[in-house]
Amino acid sequence: SALEVVVQRYTPSVGQLAEVGKPTDVFGLEEGGALGSLERKLALVLPADRRSYELQVSEAVARRESWQAQYRIVRPRDGATAWLAESATVEDSDGELAYVVMTWDVTALRRVEEQLRAGTRRLRRELTVNRRLYEVLTRAVEADDVRKGVEMLLQAAVDLVGGQRGGVWVLDQEEERLTVFAQAG
């Protein structure tokens, strides 16, 4: 689907936000609702993101510069949290400082990025585990005593799963007896 972008004109001297063009539903406002002011917009921004967003905007306004930001909001209509991206450019008309602010929803993108980060963390853990197992297997194969090699493997397995103890038991079928071959912990 086409990217929905809210275009607003922000006038810092009065804190006014006026929609420009076709209305869109990026902010998840109630039917017929409008932001109207930066203060009302800030009320939607999650508290964890509010201060940094407000600071970024106020510093850009003080320097009469553009800004770009990403922040999370809670949509009033359904209470869902959404990530928004914003780009503001300076519009100097009639000597009054104003900005054209374009805002769009990047929630899906942020979710994909988080899934990629989680996948990368999982892959790093698995590579670390595999490297550790390879090192242990190499040392176990080179061990002079078979029991010592099995004990090394067992200790590595206990360490990798975060356990405190473990064991290898051998079943002698003819005598119907279990014998502890190696144990750790």
Protein backbone atom coordinates (compact mmCIF):
# COMPACT_ATOMS: atom_id res chain seq x y z
CA SER A 1 0.00 0.00 0.00
CA ALA A 2 1.03 3.61 -0.44
CA LEU A 3 2.91 5.22 2.40
CA GLU A 4 0.66 7.47 4.41
CA VAL A 5 2.38 10.70 5.33
CA VAL A 6 0.95 13.43 7.52
CA VAL A 7 2.12 16.85 6.39
CA GLN A 8 1.77 19.64 8.94
CA ARG A 9 2.87 23.23 9.24
CA TYR A 10 4.40 23.92 12.63
CA THR A 11 4.66 27.51 13.82
CA PRO A 12 6.95 27.55 16.89
CA SER A 13 6.01 31.08 18.01
CA VAL A 14 2.47 29.91 18.83
CA GLY A 15 3.07 26.14 19.07
CA GLN A 16 0.48 25.54 16.36
CA LEU A 17 0.36 22.42 14.17
CA ALA A 18 -1.90 22.73 11.15
CA GLU A 19 -2.46 19.85 8.75
CA VAL A 20 -1.60 20.57 5.16
CA GLY A 21 -3.26 18.54 2.45
CA LYS A 22 -5.26 15.35 2.78
CA PRO A 23 -5.74 14.12 6.37
CA THR A 24 -4.22 10.74 7.24
CA ASP A 25 -4.44 8.53 10.29
CA VAL A 26 -0.78 8.16 11.33
CA PHE A 27 -1.43 9.37 14.88
CA GLY A 28 -4.48 7.13 15.43
CA LEU A 29 -6.67 10.01 16.61
CA GLU A 30 -10.35 9.62 17.38
CA GLU A 31 -12.73 10.26 14.49
CA GLY A 32 -12.53 13.92 13.45
CA GLY A 33 -9.65 14.61 15.85
CA ALA A 34 -6.69 16.85 15.04
CA LEU A 35 -3.48 17.54 16.92
CA GLY A 36 -3.61 21.31 16.61
CA SER A 37 -0.58 21.95 18.81
CA LEU A 38 2.85 20.60 19.67
CA GLU A 39 1.68 20.21 23.26
CA ARG A 40 -1.09 17.81 22.19
CA LYS A 41 1.37 15.90 20.00
CA LEU A 42 3.82 15.58 22.90
CA ALA A 43 1.03 14.10 25.02
CA LEU A 44 0.88 11.17 22.56
CA VAL A 45 4.65 10.55 22.65
CA LEU A 46 5.72 7.84 25.08
CA PRO A 47 7.29 9.33 28.22
CA ALA A 48 10.56 7.48 27.51
CA ASP A 49 10.88 9.29 24.16
CA ARG A 50 9.17 12.59 24.99
CA ARG A 51 12.06 14.49 26.56
CA SER A 52 14.59 13.67 23.84
CA TYR A 53 12.09 14.50 21.07
CA GLU A 54 11.10 17.79 22.73
CA LEU A 55 14.77 18.70 23.21
CA GLN A 56 15.64 17.87 19.60
CA VAL A 57 12.77 20.05 18.29
CA SER A 58 13.51 22.98 20.60
CA GLU A 59 17.23 22.96 19.72
CA ALA A 60 16.44 22.85 16.00
CA VAL A 61 13.98 25.74 16.36
CA ALA A 62 16.53 27.77 18.34
CA ARG A 63 19.08 27.26 15.56
CA ARG A 64 16.42 27.71 12.84
CA GLU A 65 17.42 24.32 11.41
CA SER A 66 15.63 21.24 10.12
CA TRP A 67 15.33 18.05 12.16
CA GLN A 68 14.70 14.36 11.72
CA ALA A 69 13.41 12.16 14.51
CA GLN A 70 11.93 8.80 15.36
CA TYR A 71 9.75 8.30 18.40
CA ARG A 72 6.98 6.12 19.78
CA ILE A 73 3.42 7.19 20.42
CA VAL A 74 0.37 5.63 22.00
CA ARG A 75 -2.51 5.92 19.57
CA PRO A 76 -5.58 7.28 21.35
CA ARG A 77 -8.07 5.35 19.26
CA ASP A 78 -6.84 1.83 20.07
CA GLY A 79 -4.05 2.26 22.67
CA ALA A 80 -1.50 0.65 20.33
CA THR A 81 2.12 1.75 20.41
CA ALA A 82 3.52 2.89 17.06
CA TRP A 83 6.90 4.11 15.85
CA LEU A 84 6.79 7.31 13.84
CA ALA A 85 9.51 8.92 11.74
CA GLU A 86 9.50 12.64 11.17
CA SER A 87 11.32 15.05 8.91
CA ALA A 88 10.93 18.82 9.31
CA THR A 89 12.21 21.48 6.94
CA VAL A 90 12.39 25.22 7.52
CA GLU A 91 9.78 27.35 5.79
CA ASP A 92 10.53 31.03 6.10
CA SER A 93 7.42 32.89 5.01
CA ASP A 94 6.73 36.54 5.74
CA GLY A 95 9.61 36.62 8.24
CA GLU A 96 7.86 34.16 10.56
CA LEU A 97 9.72 30.94 11.29
CA ALA A 98 7.67 27.88 10.37
CA TYR A 99 8.35 24.25 9.52
CA VAL A 100 6.86 21.76 7.12
CA VAL A 101 6.73 18.55 9.15
CA MET A 102 6.19 15.20 7.45
CA THR A 103 5.39 12.23 9.69
CA TRP A 104 4.93 8.58 8.74
CA ASP A 105 4.53 5.22 10.48
CA VAL A 106 7.66 3.03 10.63
CA THR A 107 6.35 0.45 13.11
CA ALA A 108 6.65 -2.48 10.71
CA LEU A 109 10.21 -1.47 9.83
CA ARG A 110 11.21 -1.23 13.51
CA ARG A 111 9.73 -4.69 14.21
CA VAL A 112 11.73 -6.19 11.35
CA GLU A 113 14.89 -4.46 12.61
CA GLU A 114 14.31 -5.89 16.11
CA GLN A 115 13.76 -9.37 14.68
CA LEU A 116 17.02 -9.04 12.76
CA ARG A 117 18.86 -7.92 15.92
CA ALA A 118 17.36 -10.84 17.87
CA GLY A 119 18.36 -13.23 15.08
CA THR A 120 21.88 -11.84 15.06
CA ARG A 121 22.15 -12.26 18.86
CA ARG A 122 20.86 -15.84 18.59
CA LEU A 123 23.32 -16.60 15.77
CA ARG A 124 26.24 -15.20 17.79
CA ARG A 125 25.25 -17.37 20.78
CA GLU A 126 25.00 -20.45 18.57
CA LEU A 127 28.36 -19.74 16.95
CA THR A 128 29.93 -19.32 20.39
CA VAL A 129 28.40 -22.61 21.55
CA ASN A 130 29.53 -24.39 18.38
CA ARG A 131 33.06 -23.00 18.72
CA ARG A 132 33.17 -24.15 22.36
CA LEU A 133 31.90 -27.63 21.43
CA TYR A 134 34.45 -27.88 18.63
CA GLU A 135 37.27 -26.98 21.03
CA VAL A 136 36.05 -29.49 23.61
CA LEU A 137 35.54 -32.24 21.01
CA THR A 138 39.05 -31.65 19.68
CA ARG A 139 40.55 -31.91 23.18
CA ALA A 140 38.36 -34.92 24.06
CA VAL A 141 39.45 -36.83 20.96
CA GLU A 142 43.09 -36.07 21.75
CA ALA A 143 42.74 -37.22 25.37
CA ASP A 144 44.77 -40.31 26.31
CA ASP A 145 42.02 -41.71 28.51
CA VAL A 146 38.53 -42.27 27.04
CA ARG A 147 36.91 -41.57 30.41
CA LYS A 148 38.75 -38.23 30.64
CA GLY A 149 37.50 -37.28 27.14
CA VAL A 150 33.91 -38.15 28.05
CA GLU A 151 34.21 -36.15 31.26
CA MET A 152 35.38 -33.12 29.26
CA LEU A 153 32.39 -33.48 26.91
CA LEU A 154 30.02 -33.88 29.83
CA GLN A 155 31.37 -30.83 31.65
CA ALA A 156 31.08 -28.75 28.45
CA ALA A 157 27.47 -29.92 27.98
CA VAL A 158 26.60 -29.03 31.58
CA ASP A 159 28.24 -25.62 31.17
CA LEU A 160 26.45 -24.91 27.89
CA VAL A 161 22.97 -25.65 29.22
CA GLY A 162 23.68 -23.74 32.41
CA GLY A 163 23.25 -26.80 34.60
CA GLN A 164 24.99 -27.61 37.85
CA ARG A 165 25.47 -31.33 37.30
CA GLY A 166 25.06 -34.14 34.80
CA GLY A 167 26.08 -37.67 34.12
CA VAL A 168 26.66 -40.39 31.55
CA TRP A 169 25.34 -43.81 32.54
CA VAL A 170 26.12 -47.03 30.74
CA LEU A 171 23.52 -49.82 30.56
CA ASP A 172 24.87 -53.35 30.61
CA GLN A 173 21.97 -55.26 29.06
CA GLU A 174 23.29 -58.72 29.90
CA GLU A 175 23.62 -57.92 33.60
CA GLU A 176 20.68 -55.45 33.54
CA ARG A 177 22.72 -52.89 35.39
CA LEU A 178 23.40 -49.15 35.07
CA THR A 179 26.91 -47.94 35.76
CA VAL A 180 28.01 -44.32 36.14
CA PHE A 181 30.59 -43.73 33.42
CA ALA A 182 31.16 -40.04 34.00
CA GLN A 183 29.58 -37.28 36.01
CA ALA A 184 30.00 -33.59 36.59
CA GLY A 185 28.85 -31.52 39.52
